[in-house]
Amino acid sequence: MIGKEFIGNDKVALILGDNIFYGTGLADLLQANNDPDGRVVLAYHLSEHQRYGVVEFDERSQVKSIEEKREKPKSKYEVTDVNRAYLETGMLKVGVLDVGTAWLDTGTFHSF
């Protein structure tokens, strides 16, 4: 909402300020998904899944479900709720970052 006038009808990618991406895969993934009908979210394979939203894929690598990380969220609104709404209307696509790309969450001292 804040950037609505600035963005206009241009294509944009929103990356949260506490995320750092390093590697070769991000540019290719963004280019491959630059004209979505709906929304594209990025996913990354990791071992600490309880700290992040989780995407479940079907046998054709299509998004089957998406859920938020917390059992008790701080508020009644989570970004995953918006993503789930796109999923329910068939307008959610997930691009999976390859193993050559690092995705660092610097939101807490421990994760940094």
PDB file of N, CA and C in Angstrom:
ATOM      1  N   MET A   1       0.823  -1.193   0.000  1.00  0.00           N
ATOM      2  CA  MET A   1       0.000   0.000   0.000  1.00  0.00           C
ATOM      3  C   MET A   1       0.866   1.255   0.000  1.00  0.00           C
ATOM      4  N   ILE A   2       1.978   1.208   0.733  1.00  0.00           N
ATOM      5  CA  ILE A   2       2.841   2.381   0.836  1.00  0.00           C
ATOM      6  C   ILE A   2       3.424   2.758  -0.523  1.00  0.00           C
ATOM      7  N   GLY A   3       3.806   1.765  -1.323  1.00  0.00           N
ATOM      8  CA  GLY A   3       4.450   2.037  -2.600  1.00  0.00           C
ATOM      9  C   GLY A   3       3.524   2.042  -3.789  1.00  0.00           C
ATOM     10  N   LYS A   4       2.207   2.019  -3.569  1.00  0.00           N
ATOM     11  CA  LYS A   4       1.240   1.890  -4.652  1.00  0.00           C
ATOM     12  C   LYS A   4       1.430   2.933  -5.744  1.00  0.00           C
ATOM     13  N   GLU A   5       1.557   4.198  -5.376  1.00  0.00           N
ATOM     14  CA  GLU A   5       1.713   5.256  -6.384  1.00  0.00           C
ATOM     15  C   GLU A   5       3.056   5.155  -7.092  1.00  0.00           C
ATOM     16  N   PHE A   6       4.089   4.813  -6.361  1.00  0.00           N
ATOM     17  CA  PHE A   6       5.419   4.690  -6.946  1.00  0.00           C
ATOM     18  C   PHE A   6       5.493   3.514  -7.910  1.00  0.00           C
ATOM     19  N   ILE A   7       4.901   2.396  -7.526  1.00  0.00           N
ATOM     20  CA  ILE A   7       4.947   1.179  -8.331  1.00  0.00           C
ATOM     21  C   ILE A   7       4.058   1.288  -9.563  1.00  0.00           C
ATOM     22  N   GLY A   8       2.874   1.846  -9.406  1.00  0.00           N
ATOM     23  CA  GLY A   8       1.951   1.932 -10.531  1.00  0.00           C
ATOM     24  C   GLY A   8       1.618   0.556 -11.048  1.00  0.00           C
ATOM     25  N   ASN A   9       1.824   0.326 -12.354  1.00  0.00           N
ATOM     26  CA  ASN A   9       1.563  -0.975 -12.972  1.00  0.00           C
ATOM     27  C   ASN A   9       2.838  -1.762 -13.251  1.00  0.00           C
ATOM     28  N   ASP A  10       3.971  -1.292 -12.705  1.00  0.00           N
ATOM     29  CA  ASP A  10       5.239  -1.983 -12.912  1.00  0.00           C
ATOM     30  C   ASP A  10       5.271  -3.315 -12.175  1.00  0.00           C
ATOM     31  N   LYS A  11       6.142  -4.203 -12.626  1.00  0.00           N
ATOM     32  CA  LYS A  11       6.360  -5.477 -11.947  1.00  0.00           C
ATOM     33  C   LYS A  11       7.333  -5.229 -10.796  1.00  0.00           C
ATOM     34  N   VAL A  12       7.059  -5.831  -9.660  1.00  0.00           N
ATOM     35  CA  VAL A  12       7.925  -5.639  -8.503  1.00  0.00           C
ATOM     36  C   VAL A  12       8.153  -6.963  -7.780  1.00  0.00           C
ATOM     37  N   ALA A  13       9.245  -6.999  -7.036  1.00  0.00           N
ATOM     38  CA  ALA A  13       9.518  -8.100  -6.119  1.00  0.00           C
ATOM     39  C   ALA A  13       9.705  -7.478  -4.744  1.00  0.00           C
ATOM     40  N   LEU A  14       8.990  -7.982  -3.762  1.00  0.00           N
ATOM     41  CA  LEU A  14       9.085  -7.479  -2.408  1.00  0.00           C
ATOM     42  C   LEU A  14       9.932  -8.440  -1.582  1.00  0.00           C
ATOM     43  N   ILE A  15      11.022  -7.924  -1.056  1.00  0.00           N
ATOM     44  CA  ILE A  15      11.890  -8.716  -0.191  1.00  0.00           C
ATOM     45  C   ILE A  15      11.943  -8.004   1.146  1.00  0.00           C
ATOM     46  N   LEU A  16      11.609  -8.706   2.203  1.00  0.00           N
ATOM     47  CA  LEU A  16      11.616  -8.114   3.535  1.00  0.00           C
ATOM     48  C   LEU A  16      13.030  -7.677   3.912  1.00  0.00           C
ATOM     49  N   GLY A  17      13.120  -6.599   4.653  1.00  0.00           N
ATOM     50  CA  GLY A  17      14.401  -5.991   4.971  1.00  0.00           C
ATOM     51  C   GLY A  17      15.324  -6.826   5.835  1.00  0.00           C
ATOM     52  N   ASP A  18      14.821  -7.851   6.502  1.00  0.00           N
ATOM     53  CA  ASP A  18      15.687  -8.686   7.331  1.00  0.00           C
ATOM     54  C   ASP A  18      16.085  -9.988   6.630  1.00  0.00           C
ATOM     55  N   ASN A  19      15.959 -10.022   5.295  1.00  0.00           N
ATOM     56  CA  ASN A  19      16.343 -11.189   4.511  1.00  0.00           C
ATOM     57  C   ASN A  19      17.502 -10.820   3.598  1.00  0.00           C
ATOM     58  N   ILE A  20      18.495 -11.699   3.526  1.00  0.00           N
ATOM     59  CA  ILE A  20      19.640 -11.510   2.644  1.00  0.00           C
ATOM     60  C   ILE A  20      19.722 -12.735   1.740  1.00  0.00           C
ATOM     61  N   PHE A  21      19.841 -12.491   0.443  1.00  0.00           N
ATOM     62  CA  PHE A  21      19.998 -13.574  -0.524  1.00  0.00           C
ATOM     63  C   PHE A  21      21.398 -13.480  -1.117  1.00  0.00           C
ATOM     64  N   TYR A  22      22.063 -14.615  -1.246  1.00  0.00           N
ATOM     65  CA  TYR A  22      23.400 -14.634  -1.824  1.00  0.00           C
ATOM     66  C   TYR A  22      23.513 -15.858  -2.719  1.00  0.00           C
ATOM     67  N   GLY A  23      23.965 -15.661  -3.941  1.00  0.00           N
ATOM     68  CA  GLY A  23      24.141 -16.784  -4.849  1.00  0.00           C
ATOM     69  C   GLY A  23      23.624 -16.453  -6.227  1.00  0.00           C
ATOM     70  N   THR A  24      23.564 -17.457  -7.063  1.00  0.00           N
ATOM     71  CA  THR A  24      23.236 -17.262  -8.466  1.00  0.00           C
ATOM     72  C   THR A  24      21.783 -17.510  -8.812  1.00  0.00           C
ATOM     73  N   GLY A  25      21.016 -18.150  -7.955  1.00  0.00           N
ATOM     74  CA  GLY A  25      19.684 -18.593  -8.320  1.00  0.00           C
ATOM     75  C   GLY A  25      18.584 -17.555  -8.277  1.00  0.00           C
ATOM     76  N   LEU A  26      18.732 -16.496  -7.483  1.00  0.00           N
ATOM     77  CA  LEU A  26      17.635 -15.558  -7.288  1.00  0.00           C
ATOM     78  C   LEU A  26      17.259 -14.810  -8.561  1.00  0.00           C
ATOM     79  N   ALA A  27      18.224 -14.284  -9.284  1.00  0.00           N
ATOM     80  CA  ALA A  27      17.921 -13.517 -10.498  1.00  0.00           C
ATOM     81  C   ALA A  27      17.191 -14.375 -11.530  1.00  0.00           C
ATOM     82  N   ASP A  28      17.643 -15.607 -11.714  1.00  0.00           N
ATOM     83  CA  ASP A  28      16.992 -16.513 -12.668  1.00  0.00           C
ATOM     84  C   ASP A  28      15.566 -16.839 -12.241  1.00  0.00           C
ATOM     85  N   LEU A  29      15.372 -17.077 -10.960  1.00  0.00           N
ATOM     86  CA  LEU A  29      14.044 -17.402 -10.445  1.00  0.00           C
ATOM     87  C   LEU A  29      13.087 -16.223 -10.606  1.00  0.00           C
ATOM     88  N   LEU A  30      13.559 -15.019 -10.306  1.00  0.00           N
ATOM     89  CA  LEU A  30      12.719 -13.829 -10.489  1.00  0.00           C
ATOM     90  C   LEU A  30      12.364 -13.626 -11.956  1.00  0.00           C
ATOM     91  N   GLN A  31      13.338 -13.810 -12.840  1.00  0.00           N
ATOM     92  CA  GLN A  31      13.087 -13.639 -14.270  1.00  0.00           C
ATOM     93  C   GLN A  31      12.074 -14.670 -14.783  1.00  0.00           C
ATOM     94  N   ALA A  32      12.180 -15.895 -14.298  1.00  0.00           N
ATOM     95  CA  ALA A  32      11.271 -16.958 -14.740  1.00  0.00           C
ATOM     96  C   ALA A  32       9.845 -16.746 -14.247  1.00  0.00           C
ATOM     97  N   ASN A  33       9.690 -15.932 -13.220  1.00  0.00           N
ATOM     98  CA  ASN A  33       8.372 -15.717 -12.621  1.00  0.00           C
ATOM     99  C   ASN A  33       7.965 -14.254 -12.665  1.00  0.00           C
ATOM    100  N   ASN A  34       8.338 -13.545 -13.721  1.00  0.00           N
ATOM    101  CA  ASN A  34       8.123 -12.094 -13.746  1.00  0.00           C
ATOM    102  C   ASN A  34       6.768 -11.655 -14.284  1.00  0.00           C
ATOM    103  N   ASP A  35       5.906 -12.583 -14.617  1.00  0.00           N
ATOM    104  CA  ASP A  35       4.586 -12.196 -15.118  1.00  0.00           C
ATOM    105  C   ASP A  35       3.515 -13.144 -14.563  1.00  0.00           C
ATOM    106  N   PRO A  36       3.378 -13.169 -13.247  1.00  0.00           N
ATOM    107  CA  PRO A  36       2.440 -14.131 -12.650  1.00  0.00           C
ATOM    108  C   PRO A  36       0.995 -13.690 -12.791  1.00  0.00           C
ATOM    109  N   ASP A  37       0.120 -14.673 -12.798  1.00  0.00           N
ATOM    110  CA  ASP A  37      -1.308 -14.420 -12.697  1.00  0.00           C
ATOM    111  C   ASP A  37      -1.658 -14.649 -11.237  1.00  0.00           C
ATOM    112  N   GLY A  38      -1.420 -13.659 -10.422  1.00  0.00           N
ATOM    113  CA  GLY A  38      -1.622 -13.791  -8.979  1.00  0.00           C
ATOM    114  C   GLY A  38      -0.359 -13.438  -8.242  1.00  0.00           C
ATOM    115  N   ARG A  39       0.175 -14.396  -7.486  1.00  0.00           N
ATOM    116  CA  ARG A  39       1.308 -14.129  -6.606  1.00  0.00           C
ATOM    117  C   ARG A  39       2.309 -15.267  -6.699  1.00  0.00           C
ATOM    118  N   VAL A  40       3.587 -14.921  -6.590  1.00  0.00           N
ATOM    119  CA  VAL A  40       4.663 -15.904  -6.518  1.00  0.00           C
ATOM    120  C   VAL A  40       5.381 -15.690  -5.192  1.00  0.00           C
ATOM    121  N   VAL A  41       5.561 -16.731  -4.426  1.00  0.00           N
ATOM    122  CA  VAL A  41       6.362 -16.667  -3.211  1.00  0.00           C
ATOM    123  C   VAL A  41       7.569 -17.571  -3.405  1.00  0.00           C
ATOM    124  N   LEU A  42       8.647 -17.263  -2.709  1.00  0.00           N
ATOM    125  CA  LEU A  42       9.859 -18.064  -2.816  1.00  0.00           C
ATOM    126  C   LEU A  42       9.943 -19.042  -1.659  1.00  0.00           C
ATOM    127  N   ALA A  43      10.458 -20.215  -1.933  1.00  0.00           N
ATOM    128  CA  ALA A  43      10.635 -21.246  -0.916  1.00  0.00           C
ATOM    129  C   ALA A  43      12.083 -21.714  -0.943  1.00  0.00           C
ATOM    130  N   TYR A  44      12.508 -22.256   0.176  1.00  0.00           N
ATOM    131  CA  TYR A  44      13.880 -22.696   0.334  1.00  0.00           C
ATOM    132  C   TYR A  44      13.894 -23.904   1.263  1.00  0.00           C
ATOM    133  N   HIS A  45      14.655 -24.937   0.902  1.00  0.00           N
ATOM    134  CA  HIS A  45      14.754 -26.127   1.744  1.00  0.00           C
ATOM    135  C   HIS A  45      15.627 -25.810   2.953  1.00  0.00           C
ATOM    136  N   LEU A  46      15.116 -26.095   4.163  1.00  0.00           N
ATOM    137  CA  LEU A  46      15.894 -25.860   5.371  1.00  0.00           C
ATOM    138  C   LEU A  46      15.487 -26.822   6.460  1.00  0.00           C
ATOM    139  N   SER A  47      16.319 -26.883   7.499  1.00  0.00           N
ATOM    140  CA  SER A  47      16.050 -27.843   8.566  1.00  0.00           C
ATOM    141  C   SER A  47      15.232 -27.254   9.712  1.00  0.00           C
ATOM    142  N   GLU A  48      15.267 -25.931   9.928  1.00  0.00           N
ATOM    143  CA  GLU A  48      14.532 -25.300  11.028  1.00  0.00           C
ATOM    144  C   GLU A  48      13.153 -24.846  10.558  1.00  0.00           C
ATOM    145  N   HIS A  49      12.333 -25.783  10.126  1.00  0.00           N
ATOM    146  CA  HIS A  49      11.039 -25.434   9.540  1.00  0.00           C
ATOM    147  C   HIS A  49      10.062 -24.805  10.516  1.00  0.00           C
ATOM    148  N   GLN A  50      10.252 -25.001  11.820  1.00  0.00           N
ATOM    149  CA  GLN A  50       9.314 -24.434  12.788  1.00  0.00           C
ATOM    150  C   GLN A  50       9.415 -22.922  12.891  1.00  0.00           C
ATOM    151  N   ARG A  51      10.479 -22.307  12.367  1.00  0.00           N
ATOM    152  CA  ARG A  51      10.644 -20.856  12.419  1.00  0.00           C
ATOM    153  C   ARG A  51      10.082 -20.155  11.184  1.00  0.00           C
ATOM    154  N   TYR A  52       9.602 -20.917  10.222  1.00  0.00           N
ATOM    155  CA  TYR A  52       9.188 -20.336   8.960  1.00  0.00           C
ATOM    156  C   TYR A  52       7.838 -20.892   8.506  1.00  0.00           C
ATOM    157  N   GLY A  53       7.236 -20.230   7.536  1.00  0.00           N
ATOM    158  CA  GLY A  53       6.054 -20.789   6.907  1.00  0.00           C
ATOM    159  C   GLY A  53       6.459 -22.034   6.124  1.00  0.00           C
ATOM    160  N   VAL A  54       5.540 -22.965   5.969  1.00  0.00           N
ATOM    161  CA  VAL A  54       5.847 -24.239   5.312  1.00  0.00           C
ATOM    162  C   VAL A  54       4.920 -24.429   4.112  1.00  0.00           C
ATOM    163  N   VAL A  55       5.521 -24.784   2.977  1.00  0.00           N
ATOM    164  CA  VAL A  55       4.771 -25.053   1.753  1.00  0.00           C
ATOM    165  C   VAL A  55       4.782 -26.561   1.512  1.00  0.00           C
ATOM    166  N   GLU A  56       3.622 -27.129   1.206  1.00  0.00           N
ATOM    167  CA  GLU A  56       3.519 -28.544   0.865  1.00  0.00           C
ATOM    168  C   GLU A  56       3.199 -28.648  -0.621  1.00  0.00           C
ATOM    169  N   PHE A  57       3.951 -29.503  -1.331  1.00  0.00           N
ATOM    170  CA  PHE A  57       3.757 -29.691  -2.764  1.00  0.00           C
ATOM    171  C   PHE A  57       3.122 -31.042  -3.050  1.00  0.00           C
ATOM    172  N   ASP A  58       2.385 -31.120  -4.168  1.00  0.00           N
ATOM    173  CA  ASP A  58       1.848 -32.411  -4.590  1.00  0.00           C
ATOM    174  C   ASP A  58       2.872 -33.109  -5.482  1.00  0.00           C
ATOM    175  N   GLU A  59       2.493 -34.258  -6.043  1.00  0.00           N
ATOM    176  CA  GLU A  59       3.417 -35.046  -6.863  1.00  0.00           C
ATOM    177  C   GLU A  59       3.828 -34.355  -8.159  1.00  0.00           C
ATOM    178  N   ARG A  60       3.096 -33.321  -8.576  1.00  0.00           N
ATOM    179  CA  ARG A  60       3.441 -32.557  -9.784  1.00  0.00           C
ATOM    180  C   ARG A  60       4.165 -31.254  -9.459  1.00  0.00           C
ATOM    181  N   SER A  61       4.613 -31.122  -8.207  1.00  0.00           N
ATOM    182  CA  SER A  61       5.306 -29.926  -7.714  1.00  0.00           C
ATOM    183  C   SER A  61       4.418 -28.686  -7.709  1.00  0.00           C
ATOM    184  N   GLN A  62       3.106 -28.897  -7.622  1.00  0.00           N
ATOM    185  CA  GLN A  62       2.167 -27.794  -7.487  1.00  0.00           C
ATOM    186  C   GLN A  62       1.899 -27.578  -5.997  1.00  0.00           C
ATOM    187  N   VAL A  63       1.626 -26.342  -5.618  1.00  0.00           N
ATOM    188  CA  VAL A  63       1.385 -26.034  -4.214  1.00  0.00           C
ATOM    189  C   VAL A  63       0.109 -26.716  -3.740  1.00  0.00           C
ATOM    190  N   LYS A  64       0.222 -27.479  -2.675  1.00  0.00           N
ATOM    191  CA  LYS A  64      -0.926 -28.178  -2.109  1.00  0.00           C
ATOM    192  C   LYS A  64      -1.459 -27.426  -0.889  1.00  0.00           C
ATOM    193  N   SER A  65      -0.545 -26.934  -0.039  1.00  0.00           N
ATOM    194  CA  SER A  65      -0.962 -26.170   1.136  1.00  0.00           C
ATOM    195  C   SER A  65       0.176 -25.252   1.566  1.00  0.00           C
ATOM    196  N   ILE A  66      -0.182 -24.269   2.386  1.00  0.00           N
ATOM    197  CA  ILE A  66       0.801 -23.359   2.961  1.00  0.00           C
ATOM    198  C   ILE A  66       0.318 -23.011   4.361  1.00  0.00           C
ATOM    199  N   GLU A  67       1.233 -23.056   5.330  1.00  0.00           N
ATOM    200  CA  GLU A  67       0.834 -22.761   6.700  1.00  0.00           C
ATOM    201  C   GLU A  67       1.880 -21.901   7.393  1.00  0.00           C
ATOM    202  N   GLU A  68       1.428 -21.131   8.360  1.00  0.00           N
ATOM    203  CA  GLU A  68       2.302 -20.232   9.108  1.00  0.00           C
ATOM    204  C   GLU A  68       3.094 -21.022  10.139  1.00  0.00           C
ATOM    205  N   LYS A  69       4.185 -20.450  10.577  1.00  0.00           N
ATOM    206  CA  LYS A  69       5.116 -21.113  11.480  1.00  0.00           C
ATOM    207  C   LYS A  69       4.647 -21.199  12.931  1.00  0.00           C
ATOM    208  N   ARG A  70       3.886 -20.256  13.401  1.00  0.00           N
ATOM    209  CA  ARG A  70       3.561 -20.175  14.824  1.00  0.00           C
ATOM    210  C   ARG A  70       2.244 -20.865  15.164  1.00  0.00           C
ATOM    211  N   GLU A  71       2.245 -21.528  16.310  1.00  0.00           N
ATOM    212  CA  GLU A  71       0.987 -22.082  16.802  1.00  0.00           C
ATOM    213  C   GLU A  71       0.095 -20.971  17.332  1.00  0.00           C
ATOM    214  N   LYS A  72       0.693 -19.952  17.955  1.00  0.00           N
ATOM    215  CA  LYS A  72      -0.052 -18.827  18.504  1.00  0.00           C
ATOM    216  C   LYS A  72       0.534 -17.530  17.947  1.00  0.00           C
ATOM    217  N   PRO A  73       0.052 -17.047  16.803  1.00  0.00           N
ATOM    218  CA  PRO A  73       0.602 -15.831  16.216  1.00  0.00           C
ATOM    219  C   PRO A  73       0.356 -14.617  17.102  1.00  0.00           C
ATOM    220  N   LYS A  74       1.219 -13.600  16.951  1.00  0.00           N
ATOM    221  CA  LYS A  74       1.112 -12.380  17.742  1.00  0.00           C
ATOM    222  C   LYS A  74      -0.136 -11.584  17.384  1.00  0.00           C
ATOM    223  N   SER A  75      -0.641 -11.768  16.188  1.00  0.00           N
ATOM    224  CA  SER A  75      -1.858 -11.078  15.789  1.00  0.00           C
ATOM    225  C   SER A  75      -2.720 -12.065  15.013  1.00  0.00           C
ATOM    226  N   LYS A  76      -3.904 -11.620  14.604  1.00  0.00           N
ATOM    227  CA  LYS A  76      -4.794 -12.493  13.845  1.00  0.00           C
ATOM    228  C   LYS A  76      -4.501 -12.440  12.349  1.00  0.00           C
ATOM    229  N   TYR A  77      -3.508 -11.638  11.954  1.00  0.00           N
ATOM    230  CA  TYR A  77      -3.174 -11.511  10.535  1.00  0.00           C
ATOM    231  C   TYR A  77      -1.738 -11.919  10.293  1.00  0.00           C
ATOM    232  N   GLU A  78      -1.525 -12.814   9.391  1.00  0.00           N
ATOM    233  CA  GLU A  78      -0.187 -13.253   8.991  1.00  0.00           C
ATOM    234  C   GLU A  78      -0.099 -13.187   7.470  1.00  0.00           C
ATOM    235  N   VAL A  79       1.106 -12.974   6.964  1.00  0.00           N
ATOM    236  CA  VAL A  79       1.297 -12.918   5.521  1.00  0.00           C
ATOM    237  C   VAL A  79       0.892 -14.244   4.883  1.00  0.00           C
ATOM    238  N   THR A  80       1.020 -15.335   5.622  1.00  0.00           N
ATOM    239  CA  THR A  80       0.611 -16.634   5.101  1.00  0.00           C
ATOM    240  C   THR A  80      -0.888 -16.686   4.855  1.00  0.00           C
ATOM    241  N   ASP A  81      -1.681 -15.943   5.617  1.00  0.00           N
ATOM    242  CA  ASP A  81      -3.120 -15.889   5.369  1.00  0.00           C
ATOM    243  C   ASP A  81      -3.406 -15.305   3.988  1.00  0.00           C
ATOM    244  N   VAL A  82      -2.657 -14.295   3.612  1.00  0.00           N
ATOM    245  CA  VAL A  82      -2.813 -13.702   2.275  1.00  0.00           C
ATOM    246  C   VAL A  82      -2.386 -14.712   1.216  1.00  0.00           C
ATOM    247  N   ASN A  83      -1.249 -15.379   1.446  1.00  0.00           N
ATOM    248  CA  ASN A  83      -0.795 -16.394   0.495  1.00  0.00           C
ATOM    249  C   ASN A  83      -1.802 -17.526   0.368  1.00  0.00           C
ATOM    250  N   ARG A  84      -2.404 -17.935   1.477  1.00  0.00           N
ATOM    251  CA  ARG A  84      -3.405 -19.007   1.447  1.00  0.00           C
ATOM    252  C   ARG A  84      -4.624 -18.584   0.630  1.00  0.00           C
ATOM    253  N   ALA A  85      -5.009 -17.315   0.726  1.00  0.00           N
ATOM    254  CA  ALA A  85      -6.141 -16.824  -0.071  1.00  0.00           C
ATOM    255  C   ALA A  85      -5.820 -16.924  -1.560  1.00  0.00           C
ATOM    256  N   TYR A  86      -4.598 -16.580  -1.943  1.00  0.00           N
ATOM    257  CA  TYR A  86      -4.190 -16.745  -3.344  1.00  0.00           C
ATOM    258  C   TYR A  86      -4.214 -18.221  -3.739  1.00  0.00           C
ATOM    259  N   LEU A  87      -3.757 -19.104  -2.859  1.00  0.00           N
ATOM    260  CA  LEU A  87      -3.759 -20.542  -3.130  1.00  0.00           C
ATOM    261  C   LEU A  87      -5.177 -21.048  -3.363  1.00  0.00           C
ATOM    262  N   GLU A  88      -6.103 -20.624  -2.516  1.00  0.00           N
ATOM    263  CA  GLU A  88      -7.485 -21.095  -2.615  1.00  0.00           C
ATOM    264  C   GLU A  88      -8.163 -20.661  -3.914  1.00  0.00           C
ATOM    265  N   THR A  89      -7.695 -19.572  -4.512  1.00  0.00           N
ATOM    266  CA  THR A  89      -8.258 -19.126  -5.785  1.00  0.00           C
ATOM    267  C   THR A  89      -7.432 -19.619  -6.975  1.00  0.00           C
ATOM    268  N   GLY A  90      -6.417 -20.468  -6.694  1.00  0.00           N
ATOM    269  CA  GLY A  90      -5.577 -21.008  -7.764  1.00  0.00           C
ATOM    270  C   GLY A  90      -4.581 -20.009  -8.319  1.00  0.00           C
ATOM    271  N   MET A  91      -4.298 -18.962  -7.566  1.00  0.00           N
ATOM    272  CA  MET A  91      -3.417 -17.910  -8.071  1.00  0.00           C
ATOM    273  C   MET A  91      -2.099 -17.812  -7.308  1.00  0.00           C
ATOM    274  N   LEU A  92      -1.674 -18.896  -6.645  1.00  0.00           N
ATOM    275  CA  LEU A  92      -0.403 -18.897  -5.935  1.00  0.00           C
ATOM    276  C   LEU A  92       0.567 -19.827  -6.629  1.00  0.00           C
ATOM    277  N   LYS A  93       1.756 -19.335  -6.895  1.00  0.00           N
ATOM    278  CA  LYS A  93       2.833 -20.123  -7.468  1.00  0.00           C
ATOM    279  C   LYS A  93       4.017 -19.994  -6.531  1.00  0.00           C
ATOM    280  N   VAL A  94       4.798 -21.057  -6.378  1.00  0.00           N
ATOM    281  CA  VAL A  94       5.971 -21.022  -5.518  1.00  0.00           C
ATOM    282  C   VAL A  94       7.202 -21.315  -6.345  1.00  0.00           C
ATOM    283  N   GLY A  95       8.168 -20.425  -6.277  1.00  0.00           N
ATOM    284  CA  GLY A  95       9.459 -20.647  -6.914  1.00  0.00           C
ATOM    285  C   GLY A  95      10.426 -21.139  -5.854  1.00  0.00           C
ATOM    286  N   VAL A  96      11.091 -22.250  -6.108  1.00  0.00           N
ATOM    287  CA  VAL A  96      12.009 -22.835  -5.136  1.00  0.00           C
ATOM    288  C   VAL A  96      13.435 -22.438  -5.493  1.00  0.00           C
ATOM    289  N   LEU A  97      14.122 -21.798  -4.558  1.00  0.00           N
ATOM    290  CA  LEU A  97      15.507 -21.413  -4.758  1.00  0.00           C
ATOM    291  C   LEU A  97      16.384 -22.649  -4.828  1.00  0.00           C
ATOM    292  N   ASP A  98      17.354 -22.651  -5.739  1.00  0.00           N
ATOM    293  CA  ASP A  98      18.224 -23.816  -5.862  1.00  0.00           C
ATOM    294  C   ASP A  98      19.271 -23.830  -4.753  1.00  0.00           C
ATOM    295  N   VAL A  99      19.997 -24.934  -4.663  1.00  0.00           N
ATOM    296  CA  VAL A  99      20.960 -25.102  -3.579  1.00  0.00           C
ATOM    297  C   VAL A  99      22.143 -24.151  -3.692  1.00  0.00           C
ATOM    298  N   GLY A 100      22.316 -23.501  -4.829  1.00  0.00           N
ATOM    299  CA  GLY A 100      23.398 -22.532  -5.007  1.00  0.00           C
ATOM    300  C   GLY A 100      23.071 -21.152  -4.465  1.00  0.00           C
ATOM    301  N   THR A 101      21.909 -20.982  -3.867  1.00  0.00           N
ATOM    302  CA  THR A 101      21.496 -19.693  -3.326  1.00  0.00           C
ATOM    303  C   THR A 101      21.303 -19.811  -1.825  1.00  0.00           C
ATOM    304  N   ALA A 102      21.875 -18.876  -1.082  1.00  0.00           N
ATOM    305  CA  ALA A 102      21.691 -18.838   0.367  1.00  0.00           C
ATOM    306  C   ALA A 102      20.637 -17.800   0.695  1.00  0.00           C
ATOM    307  N   TRP A 103      19.727 -18.145   1.582  1.00  0.00           N
ATOM    308  CA  TRP A 103      18.690 -17.231   2.060  1.00  0.00           C
ATOM    309  C   TRP A 103      18.897 -17.088   3.557  1.00  0.00           C
ATOM    310  N   LEU A 104      19.333 -15.925   3.976  1.00  0.00           N
ATOM    311  CA  LEU A 104      19.637 -15.685   5.382  1.00  0.00           C
ATOM    312  C   LEU A 104      18.585 -14.790   5.997  1.00  0.00           C
ATOM    313  N   ASP A 105      17.994 -15.249   7.082  1.00  0.00           N
ATOM    314  CA  ASP A 105      17.015 -14.468   7.826  1.00  0.00           C
ATOM    315  C   ASP A 105      17.749 -13.801   8.972  1.00  0.00           C
ATOM    316  N   THR A 106      17.843 -12.487   8.955  1.00  0.00           N
ATOM    317  CA  THR A 106      18.582 -11.773   9.993  1.00  0.00           C
ATOM    318  C   THR A 106      17.639 -11.106  10.989  1.00  0.00           C
ATOM    319  N   GLY A 107      16.439 -11.620  11.111  1.00  0.00           N
ATOM    320  CA  GLY A 107      15.445 -11.018  11.986  1.00  0.00           C
ATOM    321  C   GLY A 107      15.743 -11.142  13.470  1.00  0.00           C
ATOM    322  N   THR A 108      16.572 -12.126  13.841  1.00  0.00           N
ATOM    323  CA  THR A 108      16.973 -12.265  15.240  1.00  0.00           C
ATOM    324  C   THR A 108      18.489 -12.424  15.282  1.00  0.00           C
ATOM    325  N   PHE A 109      19.076 -12.154  16.425  1.00  0.00           N
ATOM    326  CA  PHE A 109      20.522 -12.309  16.579  1.00  0.00           C
ATOM    327  C   PHE A 109      20.940 -13.740  16.287  1.00  0.00           C
ATOM    328  N   HIS A 110      20.176 -14.710  16.802  1.00  0.00           N
ATOM    329  CA  HIS A 110      20.500 -16.133  16.602  1.00  0.00           C
ATOM    330  C   HIS A 110      20.476 -16.504  15.122  1.00  0.00           C
ATOM    331  N   SER A 111      19.465 -16.052  14.397  1.00  0.00           N
ATOM    332  CA  SER A 111      19.366 -16.411  12.976  1.00  0.00           C
ATOM    333  C   SER A 111      20.443 -15.730  12.140  1.00  0.00           C
ATOM    334  N   PHE A 112      20.874 -14.535  12.576  1.00  0.00           N
ATOM    335  CA  PHE A 112      21.922 -13.821  11.852  1.00  0.00           C
ATOM    336  C   PHE A 112      23.252 -14.531  12.015  1.00  0.00           C
TER     337      PHE A 112
END
